[in-house]
Amino acid sequence: MLVVPAAAADTKTKLQAAEEYYDHIEYAIAEDLYKQVLNPEPNNVDVMKALASVLYREDKSDESAAILDKVPKTK
């Protein structure tokens, strides 16, 4: 059984939980957890990409594209 971590949980715990919820197709909960991590870490590229993936799976392609537009481009 999956358990949503407390709001005060550390980043690693939230990311692990978000990945588990994503794997179990619980996209809304995964989205919320990724957003909780991005709140204090708005430039975390890995989390931005994971959130964009979740949003895309939720058929929120406009939101997904907006997140990906914020990801720094690498050469």
Protein backbone atom coordinates (compact mmCIF):
# COMPACT_ATOMS: atom_id res chain seq x y z
CA MET A 1 0.00 0.00 0.00
CA LEU A 2 1.34 3.40 -0.98
CA VAL A 3 1.48 6.15 1.61
CA VAL A 4 1.67 9.84 0.81
CA PRO A 5 4.60 11.35 2.72
CA ALA A 6 4.00 14.20 5.13
CA ALA A 7 4.37 17.71 3.75
CA ALA A 8 7.46 18.12 5.94
CA ALA A 9 9.14 15.03 4.47
CA ASP A 10 12.53 15.49 2.83
CA THR A 11 13.01 15.80 -0.91
CA LYS A 12 14.33 12.26 -1.37
CA THR A 13 11.29 10.76 0.37
CA LYS A 14 8.88 12.82 -1.74
CA LEU A 15 10.66 11.90 -4.97
CA GLN A 16 10.62 8.20 -4.14
CA ALA A 17 6.92 8.38 -3.34
CA ALA A 18 6.18 10.35 -6.51
CA GLU A 19 7.95 7.71 -8.60
CA GLU A 20 5.96 4.93 -6.91
CA TYR A 21 2.66 6.73 -7.51
CA TYR A 22 3.67 7.34 -11.12
CA ASP A 23 4.43 3.63 -11.54
CA HIS A 24 0.99 2.79 -10.10
CA ILE A 25 -0.72 5.24 -12.46
CA GLU A 26 -1.71 7.55 -9.60
CA TYR A 27 -0.74 10.60 -11.61
CA ALA A 28 -2.57 13.25 -9.59
CA ILE A 29 -0.71 12.31 -6.41
CA ALA A 30 2.61 12.09 -8.26
CA GLU A 31 1.94 15.54 -9.74
CA ASP A 32 1.28 17.00 -6.31
CA LEU A 33 4.46 15.48 -4.88
CA TYR A 34 6.62 16.74 -7.74
CA LYS A 35 5.12 20.22 -7.30
CA GLN A 36 5.93 20.07 -3.58
CA VAL A 37 9.56 19.38 -4.45
CA LEU A 38 9.67 22.12 -7.08
CA ASN A 39 8.30 24.71 -4.68
CA PRO A 40 11.60 25.11 -2.76
CA GLU A 41 13.72 23.88 -5.71
CA PRO A 42 12.22 25.59 -8.79
CA ASN A 43 15.27 24.90 -10.98
CA ASN A 44 15.53 21.15 -10.33
CA VAL A 45 15.67 19.94 -13.94
CA ASP A 46 15.07 16.26 -13.16
CA VAL A 47 11.92 17.08 -11.20
CA MET A 48 10.74 19.47 -13.90
CA LYS A 49 11.05 16.71 -16.50
CA ALA A 50 9.29 14.19 -14.25
CA LEU A 51 6.45 16.64 -13.60
CA ALA A 52 6.13 17.34 -17.32
CA SER A 53 5.85 13.61 -17.95
CA VAL A 54 3.12 13.23 -15.34
CA LEU A 55 1.21 16.19 -16.73
CA TYR A 56 1.45 14.76 -20.23
CA ARG A 57 0.08 11.43 -19.01
CA GLU A 58 -2.80 13.30 -17.38
CA ASP A 59 -3.59 14.81 -20.79
CA LYS A 60 -2.40 18.24 -19.64
CA SER A 61 -0.12 18.78 -22.60
CA ASP A 62 -0.21 22.59 -22.40
CA GLU A 63 0.97 22.52 -18.79
CA SER A 64 3.57 19.89 -19.67
CA ALA A 65 4.93 22.03 -22.50
CA ALA A 66 5.05 25.08 -20.23
CA ILE A 67 7.17 23.17 -17.71
CA LEU A 68 9.49 21.88 -20.43
CA ASP A 69 9.92 25.42 -21.78
CA LYS A 70 11.43 26.34 -18.41
CA VAL A 71 14.06 23.58 -18.60
CA PRO A 72 17.43 25.12 -19.48
CA LYS A 73 18.57 24.17 -22.96
CA THR A 74 21.88 22.34 -23.20
CA LYS A 75 24.16 22.41 -26.21
